[in-house]
Amino acid sequence: MKNRFEQLKPAIKGYAITSHFKRDVGSIEKATAIVIEVLESKESEQMHKFEELIEENLIFRAKIQGVHIVYVLTPSQRLVFLRAFKNFKSYEHFLADKQALLSAIEYAKL
């Protein structure tokens, strides 16, 4: 059975990379490579772990080379890559702050 991301993947209409994400990974080239890796990967709990639903936004996490990537599938079927964390505690703290998470999603929609 396909995971949630694999079921939704055909409907994805595009993606966005936030400036925070680009800064977290170091460059637009690295950010783009991560996006491609996420989009091209097959079913994997490490790559497409569903975290939660916040106001119709599906929050996912990928773990690539020890880095936790937070990305969102918005109701408009657009992927938004929000942040990347080397430290799991920082990742947990980011997810716990729902208001900041929603603000980052809203800002990325502009």
PDB file of N, CA and C in Angstrom:
ATOM      1  N   MET A   1       0.830  -1.186   0.000  1.00  0.00           N
ATOM      2  CA  MET A   1       0.000   0.000   0.000  1.00  0.00           C
ATOM      3  C   MET A   1       0.881   1.258   0.000  1.00  0.00           C
ATOM      4  N   LYS A   2       0.516   2.226  -0.804  1.00  0.00           N
ATOM      5  CA  LYS A   2       1.287   3.457  -0.898  1.00  0.00           C
ATOM      6  C   LYS A   2       1.105   4.306   0.347  1.00  0.00           C
ATOM      7  N   ASN A   3       2.179   5.027   0.715  1.00  0.00           N
ATOM      8  CA  ASN A   3       2.052   5.951   1.833  1.00  0.00           C
ATOM      9  C   ASN A   3       1.302   7.199   1.365  1.00  0.00           C
ATOM     10  N   ARG A   4       0.998   8.074   2.288  1.00  0.00           N
ATOM     11  CA  ARG A   4       0.189   9.257   1.993  1.00  0.00           C
ATOM     12  C   ARG A   4       0.828  10.136   0.911  1.00  0.00           C
ATOM     13  N   PHE A   5       2.126  10.350   0.986  1.00  0.00           N
ATOM     14  CA  PHE A   5       2.793  11.192   0.000  1.00  0.00           C
ATOM     15  C   PHE A   5       2.704  10.579  -1.390  1.00  0.00           C
ATOM     16  N   GLU A   6       2.935   9.289  -1.504  1.00  0.00           N
ATOM     17  CA  GLU A   6       2.883   8.621  -2.805  1.00  0.00           C
ATOM     18  C   GLU A   6       1.489   8.707  -3.410  1.00  0.00           C
ATOM     19  N   GLN A   7       0.450   8.667  -2.591  1.00  0.00           N
ATOM     20  CA  GLN A   7      -0.916   8.794  -3.078  1.00  0.00           C
ATOM     21  C   GLN A   7      -1.189  10.196  -3.623  1.00  0.00           C
ATOM     22  N   LEU A   8      -0.587  11.204  -3.000  1.00  0.00           N
ATOM     23  CA  LEU A   8      -0.829  12.595  -3.381  1.00  0.00           C
ATOM     24  C   LEU A   8       0.126  13.107  -4.461  1.00  0.00           C
ATOM     25  N   LYS A   9       1.214  12.410  -4.661  1.00  0.00           N
ATOM     26  CA  LYS A   9       2.276  12.859  -5.568  1.00  0.00           C
ATOM     27  C   LYS A   9       1.791  13.220  -6.976  1.00  0.00           C
ATOM     28  N   PRO A  10       0.901  12.441  -7.606  1.00  0.00           N
ATOM     29  CA  PRO A  10       0.464  12.795  -8.968  1.00  0.00           C
ATOM     30  C   PRO A  10      -0.268  14.147  -9.053  1.00  0.00           C
ATOM     31  N   ALA A  11      -0.817  14.615  -7.960  1.00  0.00           N
ATOM     32  CA  ALA A  11      -1.581  15.869  -7.968  1.00  0.00           C
ATOM     33  C   ALA A  11      -0.717  17.107  -7.716  1.00  0.00           C
ATOM     34  N   ILE A  12       0.570  16.935  -7.393  1.00  0.00           N
ATOM     35  CA  ILE A  12       1.440  18.067  -7.076  1.00  0.00           C
ATOM     36  C   ILE A  12       1.588  18.968  -8.299  1.00  0.00           C
ATOM     37  N   LYS A  13       1.366  20.261  -8.074  1.00  0.00           N
ATOM     38  CA  LYS A  13       1.371  21.229  -9.172  1.00  0.00           C
ATOM     39  C   LYS A  13       2.607  22.117  -9.207  1.00  0.00           C
ATOM     40  N   GLY A  14       3.529  21.916  -8.307  1.00  0.00           N
ATOM     41  CA  GLY A  14       4.733  22.740  -8.291  1.00  0.00           C
ATOM     42  C   GLY A  14       5.334  22.751  -6.907  1.00  0.00           C
ATOM     43  N   TYR A  15       6.396  23.530  -6.753  1.00  0.00           N
ATOM     44  CA  TYR A  15       7.037  23.605  -5.446  1.00  0.00           C
ATOM     45  C   TYR A  15       7.628  24.991  -5.238  1.00  0.00           C
ATOM     46  N   ALA A  16       7.898  25.272  -3.970  1.00  0.00           N
ATOM     47  CA  ALA A  16       8.560  26.524  -3.592  1.00  0.00           C
ATOM     48  C   ALA A  16       9.627  26.201  -2.564  1.00  0.00           C
ATOM     49  N   ILE A  17      10.677  26.983  -2.590  1.00  0.00           N
ATOM     50  CA  ILE A  17      11.777  26.851  -1.629  1.00  0.00           C
ATOM     51  C   ILE A  17      11.835  28.161  -0.856  1.00  0.00           C
ATOM     52  N   THR A  18      11.687  28.090   0.455  1.00  0.00           N
ATOM     53  CA  THR A  18      11.760  29.314   1.250  1.00  0.00           C
ATOM     54  C   THR A  18      13.213  29.756   1.399  1.00  0.00           C
ATOM     55  N   SER A  19      13.385  31.034   1.698  1.00  0.00           N
ATOM     56  CA  SER A  19      14.735  31.549   1.907  1.00  0.00           C
ATOM     57  C   SER A  19      15.388  30.891   3.119  1.00  0.00           C
ATOM     58  N   HIS A  20      14.575  30.539   4.139  1.00  0.00           N
ATOM     59  CA  HIS A  20      15.109  29.828   5.302  1.00  0.00           C
ATOM     60  C   HIS A  20      15.668  28.473   4.891  1.00  0.00           C
ATOM     61  N   PHE A  21      14.934  27.765   4.041  1.00  0.00           N
ATOM     62  CA  PHE A  21      15.384  26.450   3.592  1.00  0.00           C
ATOM     63  C   PHE A  21      16.694  26.577   2.820  1.00  0.00           C
ATOM     64  N   LYS A  22      16.740  27.526   1.905  1.00  0.00           N
ATOM     65  CA  LYS A  22      17.958  27.741   1.121  1.00  0.00           C
ATOM     66  C   LYS A  22      19.141  28.055   2.039  1.00  0.00           C
ATOM     67  N   ARG A  23      18.922  28.894   3.022  1.00  0.00           N
ATOM     68  CA  ARG A  23      19.978  29.246   3.977  1.00  0.00           C
ATOM     69  C   ARG A  23      20.374  28.036   4.823  1.00  0.00           C
ATOM     70  N   ASP A  24      19.381  27.236   5.244  1.00  0.00           N
ATOM     71  CA  ASP A  24      19.668  26.053   6.063  1.00  0.00           C
ATOM     72  C   ASP A  24      20.562  25.047   5.353  1.00  0.00           C
ATOM     73  N   VAL A  25      20.345  24.866   4.040  1.00  0.00           N
ATOM     74  CA  VAL A  25      21.122  23.858   3.307  1.00  0.00           C
ATOM     75  C   VAL A  25      22.367  24.439   2.642  1.00  0.00           C
ATOM     76  N   GLY A  26      22.454  25.758   2.549  1.00  0.00           N
ATOM     77  CA  GLY A  26      23.686  26.375   2.083  1.00  0.00           C
ATOM     78  C   GLY A  26      23.663  27.039   0.726  1.00  0.00           C
ATOM     79  N   SER A  27      22.801  26.595  -0.181  1.00  0.00           N
ATOM     80  CA  SER A  27      22.753  27.215  -1.510  1.00  0.00           C
ATOM     81  C   SER A  27      21.488  26.788  -2.237  1.00  0.00           C
ATOM     82  N   ILE A  28      21.144  27.526  -3.259  1.00  0.00           N
ATOM     83  CA  ILE A  28      19.978  27.176  -4.075  1.00  0.00           C
ATOM     84  C   ILE A  28      20.222  25.867  -4.817  1.00  0.00           C
ATOM     85  N   GLU A  29      21.471  25.594  -5.188  1.00  0.00           N
ATOM     86  CA  GLU A  29      21.790  24.344  -5.880  1.00  0.00           C
ATOM     87  C   GLU A  29      21.525  23.136  -4.979  1.00  0.00           C
ATOM     88  N   LYS A  30      21.968  23.219  -3.718  1.00  0.00           N
ATOM     89  CA  LYS A  30      21.726  22.124  -2.773  1.00  0.00           C
ATOM     90  C   LYS A  30      20.238  21.988  -2.484  1.00  0.00           C
ATOM     91  N   ALA A  31      19.549  23.106  -2.354  1.00  0.00           N
ATOM     92  CA  ALA A  31      18.111  23.082  -2.092  1.00  0.00           C
ATOM     93  C   ALA A  31      17.372  22.415  -3.250  1.00  0.00           C
ATOM     94  N   THR A  32      17.736  22.760  -4.465  1.00  0.00           N
ATOM     95  CA  THR A  32      17.105  22.172  -5.644  1.00  0.00           C
ATOM     96  C   THR A  32      17.397  20.679  -5.732  1.00  0.00           C
ATOM     97  N   ALA A  33      18.608  20.277  -5.403  1.00  0.00           N
ATOM     98  CA  ALA A  33      18.961  18.846  -5.414  1.00  0.00           C
ATOM     99  C   ALA A  33      18.117  18.071  -4.402  1.00  0.00           C
ATOM    100  N   ILE A  34      17.869  18.662  -3.245  1.00  0.00           N
ATOM    101  CA  ILE A  34      17.040  18.010  -2.228  1.00  0.00           C
ATOM    102  C   ILE A  34      15.607  17.888  -2.720  1.00  0.00           C
ATOM    103  N   VAL A  35      15.088  18.926  -3.347  1.00  0.00           N
ATOM    104  CA  VAL A  35      13.730  18.883  -3.890  1.00  0.00           C
ATOM    105  C   VAL A  35      13.611  17.740  -4.895  1.00  0.00           C
ATOM    106  N   ILE A  36      14.559  17.645  -5.791  1.00  0.00           N
ATOM    107  CA  ILE A  36      14.546  16.581  -6.802  1.00  0.00           C
ATOM    108  C   ILE A  36      14.602  15.217  -6.136  1.00  0.00           C
ATOM    109  N   GLU A  37      15.461  15.075  -5.126  1.00  0.00           N
ATOM    110  CA  GLU A  37      15.567  13.792  -4.426  1.00  0.00           C
ATOM    111  C   GLU A  37      14.239  13.414  -3.762  1.00  0.00           C
ATOM    112  N   VAL A  38      13.579  14.377  -3.150  1.00  0.00           N
ATOM    113  CA  VAL A  38      12.284  14.111  -2.505  1.00  0.00           C
ATOM    114  C   VAL A  38      11.245  13.723  -3.550  1.00  0.00           C
ATOM    115  N   LEU A  39      11.177  14.461  -4.635  1.00  0.00           N
ATOM    116  CA  LEU A  39      10.166  14.194  -5.664  1.00  0.00           C
ATOM    117  C   LEU A  39      10.393  12.879  -6.403  1.00  0.00           C
ATOM    118  N   GLU A  40      11.647  12.503  -6.588  1.00  0.00           N
ATOM    119  CA  GLU A  40      11.938  11.291  -7.348  1.00  0.00           C
ATOM    120  C   GLU A  40      12.022  10.033  -6.498  1.00  0.00           C
ATOM    121  N   SER A  41      12.060  10.187  -5.193  1.00  0.00           N
ATOM    122  CA  SER A  41      12.202   9.012  -4.336  1.00  0.00           C
ATOM    123  C   SER A  41      10.916   8.203  -4.296  1.00  0.00           C
ATOM    124  N   LYS A  42      11.089   6.940  -4.064  1.00  0.00           N
ATOM    125  CA  LYS A  42       9.947   6.032  -3.932  1.00  0.00           C
ATOM    126  C   LYS A  42       9.522   5.987  -2.474  1.00  0.00           C
ATOM    127  N   GLU A  43       8.555   5.142  -2.215  1.00  0.00           N
ATOM    128  CA  GLU A  43       8.042   5.007  -0.858  1.00  0.00           C
ATOM    129  C   GLU A  43       9.168   4.767   0.139  1.00  0.00           C
ATOM    130  N   SER A  44       9.181   5.577   1.171  1.00  0.00           N
ATOM    131  CA  SER A  44      10.194   5.440   2.199  1.00  0.00           C
ATOM    132  C   SER A  44       9.755   6.202   3.431  1.00  0.00           C
ATOM    133  N   GLU A  45       9.808   5.569   4.558  1.00  0.00           N
ATOM    134  CA  GLU A  45       9.463   6.234   5.816  1.00  0.00           C
ATOM    135  C   GLU A  45      10.472   7.328   6.138  1.00  0.00           C
ATOM    136  N   GLN A  46      11.710   7.161   5.697  1.00  0.00           N
ATOM    137  CA  GLN A  46      12.737   8.184   5.923  1.00  0.00           C
ATOM    138  C   GLN A  46      12.519   9.402   5.026  1.00  0.00           C
ATOM    139  N   MET A  47      11.892   9.205   3.884  1.00  0.00           N
ATOM    140  CA  MET A  47      11.756  10.290   2.924  1.00  0.00           C
ATOM    141  C   MET A  47      10.416  11.013   3.014  1.00  0.00           C
ATOM    142  N   HIS A  48       9.359  10.317   3.333  1.00  0.00           N
ATOM    143  CA  HIS A  48       8.024  10.919   3.292  1.00  0.00           C
ATOM    144  C   HIS A  48       7.244  10.631   4.570  1.00  0.00           C
ATOM    145  N   LYS A  49       7.812  10.949   5.704  1.00  0.00           N
ATOM    146  CA  LYS A  49       7.125  10.686   6.974  1.00  0.00           C
ATOM    147  C   LYS A  49       6.074  11.772   7.199  1.00  0.00           C
ATOM    148  N   PHE A  50       4.815  11.340   7.248  1.00  0.00           N
ATOM    149  CA  PHE A  50       3.732  12.289   7.517  1.00  0.00           C
ATOM    150  C   PHE A  50       3.775  12.652   8.994  1.00  0.00           C
ATOM    151  N   GLU A  51       3.809  13.948   9.279  1.00  0.00           N
ATOM    152  CA  GLU A  51       3.866  14.422  10.659  1.00  0.00           C
ATOM    153  C   GLU A  51       2.495  14.819  11.180  1.00  0.00           C
ATOM    154  N   GLU A  52       1.812  15.724  10.476  1.00  0.00           N
ATOM    155  CA  GLU A  52       0.505  16.165  10.946  1.00  0.00           C
ATOM    156  C   GLU A  52      -0.195  17.013   9.893  1.00  0.00           C
ATOM    157  N   LEU A  53      -1.463  17.278  10.170  1.00  0.00           N
ATOM    158  CA  LEU A  53      -2.298  18.130   9.338  1.00  0.00           C
ATOM    159  C   LEU A  53      -2.564  19.403  10.118  1.00  0.00           C
ATOM    160  N   ILE A  54      -2.215  20.552   9.536  1.00  0.00           N
ATOM    161  CA  ILE A  54      -2.451  21.837  10.187  1.00  0.00           C
ATOM    162  C   ILE A  54      -3.197  22.723   9.193  1.00  0.00           C
ATOM    163  N   GLU A  55      -4.438  23.013   9.502  1.00  0.00           N
ATOM    164  CA  GLU A  55      -5.276  23.855   8.642  1.00  0.00           C
ATOM    165  C   GLU A  55      -5.178  23.460   7.177  1.00  0.00           C
ATOM    166  N   GLU A  56      -5.423  22.205   6.894  1.00  0.00           N
ATOM    167  CA  GLU A  56      -5.438  21.626   5.546  1.00  0.00           C
ATOM    168  C   GLU A  56      -4.065  21.537   4.887  1.00  0.00           C
ATOM    169  N   ASN A  57      -3.012  21.827   5.612  1.00  0.00           N
ATOM    170  CA  ASN A  57      -1.644  21.680   5.116  1.00  0.00           C
ATOM    171  C   ASN A  57      -1.069  20.383   5.662  1.00  0.00           C
ATOM    172  N   LEU A  58      -0.595  19.524   4.775  1.00  0.00           N
ATOM    173  CA  LEU A  58      -0.002  18.252   5.178  1.00  0.00           C
ATOM    174  C   LEU A  58       1.490  18.466   5.413  1.00  0.00           C
ATOM    175  N   ILE A  59       1.934  18.236   6.638  1.00  0.00           N
ATOM    176  CA  ILE A  59       3.332  18.440   7.018  1.00  0.00           C
ATOM    177  C   ILE A  59       4.068  17.099   6.918  1.00  0.00           C
ATOM    178  N   PHE A  60       5.185  17.099   6.196  1.00  0.00           N
ATOM    179  CA  PHE A  60       6.002  15.905   6.017  1.00  0.00           C
ATOM    180  C   PHE A  60       7.434  16.196   6.458  1.00  0.00           C
ATOM    181  N   ARG A  61       8.163  15.105   6.691  1.00  0.00           N
ATOM    182  CA  ARG A  61       9.589  15.203   7.006  1.00  0.00           C
ATOM    183  C   ARG A  61      10.342  14.190   6.168  1.00  0.00           C
ATOM    184  N   ALA A  62      11.468  14.636   5.652  1.00  0.00           N
ATOM    185  CA  ALA A  62      12.400  13.726   4.985  1.00  0.00           C
ATOM    186  C   ALA A  62      13.691  13.766   5.783  1.00  0.00           C
ATOM    187  N   LYS A  63      14.366  12.659   5.845  1.00  0.00           N
ATOM    188  CA  LYS A  63      15.673  12.616   6.480  1.00  0.00           C
ATOM    189  C   LYS A  63      16.681  12.211   5.416  1.00  0.00           C
ATOM    190  N   ILE A  64      17.527  13.168   5.053  1.00  0.00           N
ATOM    191  CA  ILE A  64      18.513  12.960   3.996  1.00  0.00           C
ATOM    192  C   ILE A  64      19.886  13.248   4.572  1.00  0.00           C
ATOM    193  N   GLN A  65      20.728  12.232   4.588  1.00  0.00           N
ATOM    194  CA  GLN A  65      22.100  12.347   5.109  1.00  0.00           C
ATOM    195  C   GLN A  65      22.120  12.993   6.495  1.00  0.00           C
ATOM    196  N   GLY A  66      21.211  12.553   7.351  1.00  0.00           N
ATOM    197  CA  GLY A  66      21.166  13.027   8.733  1.00  0.00           C
ATOM    198  C   GLY A  66      20.511  14.384   8.936  1.00  0.00           C
ATOM    199  N   VAL A  67      20.020  15.001   7.862  1.00  0.00           N
ATOM    200  CA  VAL A  67      19.363  16.308   7.957  1.00  0.00           C
ATOM    201  C   VAL A  67      17.854  16.111   7.843  1.00  0.00           C
ATOM    202  N   HIS A  68      17.112  16.738   8.761  1.00  0.00           N
ATOM    203  CA  HIS A  68      15.654  16.647   8.781  1.00  0.00           C
ATOM    204  C   HIS A  68      15.077  17.788   7.942  1.00  0.00           C
ATOM    205  N   ILE A  69      14.394  17.440   6.870  1.00  0.00           N
ATOM    206  CA  ILE A  69      13.811  18.396   5.935  1.00  0.00           C
ATOM    207  C   ILE A  69      12.316  18.484   6.217  1.00  0.00           C
ATOM    208  N   VAL A  70      11.815  19.690   6.475  1.00  0.00           N
ATOM    209  CA  VAL A  70      10.384  19.889   6.709  1.00  0.00           C
ATOM    210  C   VAL A  70       9.781  20.478   5.445  1.00  0.00           C
ATOM    211  N   TYR A  71       8.785  19.764   4.908  1.00  0.00           N
ATOM    212  CA  TYR A  71       8.092  20.276   3.736  1.00  0.00           C
ATOM    213  C   TYR A  71       6.599  20.063   3.894  1.00  0.00           C
ATOM    214  N   VAL A  72       5.829  20.853   3.137  1.00  0.00           N
ATOM    215  CA  VAL A  72       4.380  20.917   3.294  1.00  0.00           C
ATOM    216  C   VAL A  72       3.726  20.748   1.930  1.00  0.00           C
ATOM    217  N   LEU A  73       2.627  20.029   1.915  1.00  0.00           N
ATOM    218  CA  LEU A  73       1.775  20.002   0.732  1.00  0.00           C
ATOM    219  C   LEU A  73       0.559  20.848   1.068  1.00  0.00           C
ATOM    220  N   THR A  74       0.423  21.973   0.380  1.00  0.00           N
ATOM    221  CA  THR A  74      -0.652  22.925   0.670  1.00  0.00           C
ATOM    222  C   THR A  74      -1.960  22.455   0.032  1.00  0.00           C
ATOM    223  N   PRO A  75      -3.074  23.049   0.427  1.00  0.00           N
ATOM    224  CA  PRO A  75      -4.358  22.679  -0.188  1.00  0.00           C
ATOM    225  C   PRO A  75      -4.389  22.925  -1.702  1.00  0.00           C
ATOM    226  N   SER A  76      -3.563  23.835  -2.197  1.00  0.00           N
ATOM    227  CA  SER A  76      -3.490  24.082  -3.640  1.00  0.00           C
ATOM    228  C   SER A  76      -2.566  23.088  -4.351  1.00  0.00           C
ATOM    229  N   GLN A  77      -2.141  22.040  -3.633  1.00  0.00           N
ATOM    230  CA  GLN A  77      -1.299  20.958  -4.165  1.00  0.00           C
ATOM    231  C   GLN A  77       0.094  21.433  -4.554  1.00  0.00           C
ATOM    232  N   ARG A  78       0.617  22.356  -3.798  1.00  0.00           N
ATOM    233  CA  ARG A  78       1.971  22.865  -4.017  1.00  0.00           C
ATOM    234  C   ARG A  78       2.858  22.439  -2.857  1.00  0.00           C
ATOM    235  N   LEU A  79       4.052  21.945  -3.171  1.00  0.00           N
ATOM    236  CA  LEU A  79       5.008  21.588  -2.134  1.00  0.00           C
ATOM    237  C   LEU A  79       5.789  22.832  -1.734  1.00  0.00           C
ATOM    238  N   VAL A  80       5.941  23.021  -0.437  1.00  0.00           N
ATOM    239  CA  VAL A  80       6.725  24.139   0.069  1.00  0.00           C
ATOM    240  C   VAL A  80       7.781  23.566   1.007  1.00  0.00           C
ATOM    241  N   PHE A  81       9.040  23.773   0.670  1.00  0.00           N
ATOM    242  CA  PHE A  81      10.153  23.310   1.494  1.00  0.00           C
ATOM    243  C   PHE A  81      10.490  24.418   2.473  1.00  0.00           C
ATOM    244  N   LEU A  82      10.205  24.164   3.774  1.00  0.00           N
ATOM    245  CA  LEU A  82      10.284  25.205   4.789  1.00  0.00           C
ATOM    246  C   LEU A  82      11.641  25.334   5.459  1.00  0.00           C
ATOM    247  N   ARG A  83      12.137  24.257   6.030  1.00  0.00           N
ATOM    248  CA  ARG A  83      13.366  24.321   6.830  1.00  0.00           C
ATOM    249  C   ARG A  83      14.120  23.007   6.727  1.00  0.00           C
ATOM    250  N   ALA A  84      15.393  23.055   7.139  1.00  0.00           N
ATOM    251  CA  ALA A  84      16.246  21.870   7.234  1.00  0.00           C
ATOM    252  C   ALA A  84      17.007  21.972   8.551  1.00  0.00           C
ATOM    253  N   PHE A  85      17.005  20.873   9.319  1.00  0.00           N
ATOM    254  CA  PHE A  85      17.635  20.868  10.640  1.00  0.00           C
ATOM    255  C   PHE A  85      18.595  19.693  10.769  1.00  0.00           C
ATOM    256  N   LYS A  86      19.794  19.976  11.252  1.00  0.00           N
ATOM    257  CA  LYS A  86      20.739  18.904  11.555  1.00  0.00           C
ATOM    258  C   LYS A  86      20.450  18.327  12.931  1.00  0.00           C
ATOM    259  N   ASN A  87      19.870  19.132  13.796  1.00  0.00           N
ATOM    260  CA  ASN A  87      19.585  18.747  15.172  1.00  0.00           C
ATOM    261  C   ASN A  87      18.104  18.373  15.307  1.00  0.00           C
ATOM    262  N   PHE A  88      17.815  17.156  15.762  1.00  0.00           N
ATOM    263  CA  PHE A  88      16.437  16.687  15.888  1.00  0.00           C
ATOM    264  C   PHE A  88      15.641  17.529  16.882  1.00  0.00           C
ATOM    265  N   LYS A  89      16.269  17.983  17.946  1.00  0.00           N
ATOM    266  CA  LYS A  89      15.570  18.812  18.944  1.00  0.00           C
ATOM    267  C   LYS A  89      15.104  20.130  18.316  1.00  0.00           C
ATOM    268  N   SER A  90      15.924  20.725  17.473  1.00  0.00           N
ATOM    269  CA  SER A  90      15.531  21.961  16.784  1.00  0.00           C
ATOM    270  C   SER A  90      14.345  21.694  15.856  1.00  0.00           C
ATOM    271  N   TYR A  91      14.377  20.551  15.198  1.00  0.00           N
ATOM    272  CA  TYR A  91      13.274  20.142  14.334  1.00  0.00           C
ATOM    273  C   TYR A  91      11.984  19.999  15.152  1.00  0.00           C
ATOM    274  N   GLU A  92      12.058  19.322  16.284  1.00  0.00           N
ATOM    275  CA  GLU A  92      10.884  19.147  17.143  1.00  0.00           C
ATOM    276  C   GLU A  92      10.357  20.493  17.639  1.00  0.00           C
ATOM    277  N   HIS A  93      11.262  21.384  17.999  1.00  0.00           N
ATOM    278  CA  HIS A  93      10.873  22.709  18.476  1.00  0.00           C
ATOM    279  C   HIS A  93      10.136  23.473  17.371  1.00  0.00           C
ATOM    280  N   PHE A  94      10.626  23.393  16.145  1.00  0.00           N
ATOM    281  CA  PHE A  94       9.983  24.054  15.009  1.00  0.00           C
ATOM    282  C   PHE A  94       8.573  23.520  14.804  1.00  0.00           C
ATOM    283  N   LEU A  95       8.413  22.190  14.838  1.00  0.00           N
ATOM    284  CA  LEU A  95       7.087  21.595  14.652  1.00  0.00           C
ATOM    285  C   LEU A  95       6.125  21.953  15.783  1.00  0.00           C
ATOM    286  N   ALA A  96       6.638  22.116  16.976  1.00  0.00           N
ATOM    287  CA  ALA A  96       5.791  22.411  18.137  1.00  0.00           C
ATOM    288  C   ALA A  96       5.218  23.826  18.083  1.00  0.00           C
ATOM    289  N   ASP A  97       5.898  24.737  17.410  1.00  0.00           N
ATOM    290  CA  ASP A  97       5.433  26.128  17.320  1.00  0.00           C
ATOM    291  C   ASP A  97       4.500  26.250  16.116  1.00  0.00           C
ATOM    292  N   LYS A  98       3.236  25.909  16.320  1.00  0.00           N
ATOM    293  CA  LYS A  98       2.252  25.878  15.229  1.00  0.00           C
ATOM    294  C   LYS A  98       2.077  27.243  14.571  1.00  0.00           C
ATOM    295  N   GLN A  99       2.091  28.301  15.364  1.00  0.00           N
ATOM    296  CA  GLN A  99       1.902  29.635  14.804  1.00  0.00           C
ATOM    297  C   GLN A  99       3.047  30.009  13.858  1.00  0.00           C
ATOM    298  N   ALA A 100       4.273  29.725  14.257  1.00  0.00           N
ATOM    299  CA  ALA A 100       5.425  30.008  13.398  1.00  0.00           C
ATOM    300  C   ALA A 100       5.380  29.148  12.129  1.00  0.00           C
ATOM    301  N   LEU A 101       4.958  27.913  12.290  1.00  0.00           N
ATOM    302  CA  LEU A 101       4.846  27.000  11.154  1.00  0.00           C
ATOM    303  C   LEU A 101       3.820  27.531  10.153  1.00  0.00           C
ATOM    304  N   LEU A 102       2.654  27.926  10.643  1.00  0.00           N
ATOM    305  CA  LEU A 102       1.628  28.480   9.778  1.00  0.00           C
ATOM    306  C   LEU A 102       2.078  29.791   9.133  1.00  0.00           C
ATOM    307  N   SER A 103       2.792  30.607   9.882  1.00  0.00           N
ATOM    308  CA  SER A 103       3.303  31.858   9.319  1.00  0.00           C
ATOM    309  C   SER A 103       4.279  31.589   8.178  1.00  0.00           C
ATOM    310  N   ALA A 104       5.143  30.604   8.347  1.00  0.00           N
ATOM    311  CA  ALA A 104       6.112  30.254   7.308  1.00  0.00           C
ATOM    312  C   ALA A 104       5.376  29.738   6.057  1.00  0.00           C
ATOM    313  N   ILE A 105       4.331  28.962   6.247  1.00  0.00           N
ATOM    314  CA  ILE A 105       3.541  28.442   5.115  1.00  0.00           C
ATOM    315  C   ILE A 105       2.853  29.593   4.407  1.00  0.00           C
ATOM    316  N   GLU A 106       2.215  30.466   5.151  1.00  0.00           N
ATOM    317  CA  GLU A 106       1.507  31.611   4.559  1.00  0.00           C
ATOM    318  C   GLU A 106       2.467  32.514   3.798  1.00  0.00           C
ATOM    319  N   TYR A 107       3.625  32.782   4.385  1.00  0.00           N
ATOM    320  CA  TYR A 107       4.614  33.633   3.729  1.00  0.00           C
ATOM    321  C   TYR A 107       5.077  33.008   2.410  1.00  0.00           C
ATOM    322  N   ALA A 108       5.248  31.699   2.399  1.00  0.00           N
ATOM    323  CA  ALA A 108       5.720  30.992   1.206  1.00  0.00           C
ATOM    324  C   ALA A 108       4.668  31.004   0.085  1.00  0.00           C
ATOM    325  N   LYS A 109       3.405  31.168   0.449  1.00  0.00           N
ATOM    326  CA  LYS A 109       2.338  31.189  -0.557  1.00  0.00           C
ATOM    327  C   LYS A 109       2.314  32.489  -1.354  1.00  0.00           C
ATOM    328  N   LEU A 110       2.985  33.520  -0.856  1.00  0.00           N
ATOM    329  CA  LEU A 110       2.966  34.825  -1.543  1.00  0.00           C
ATOM    330  C   LEU A 110       3.682  34.775  -2.875  1.00  0.00           C
TER     331      LEU A 110
END
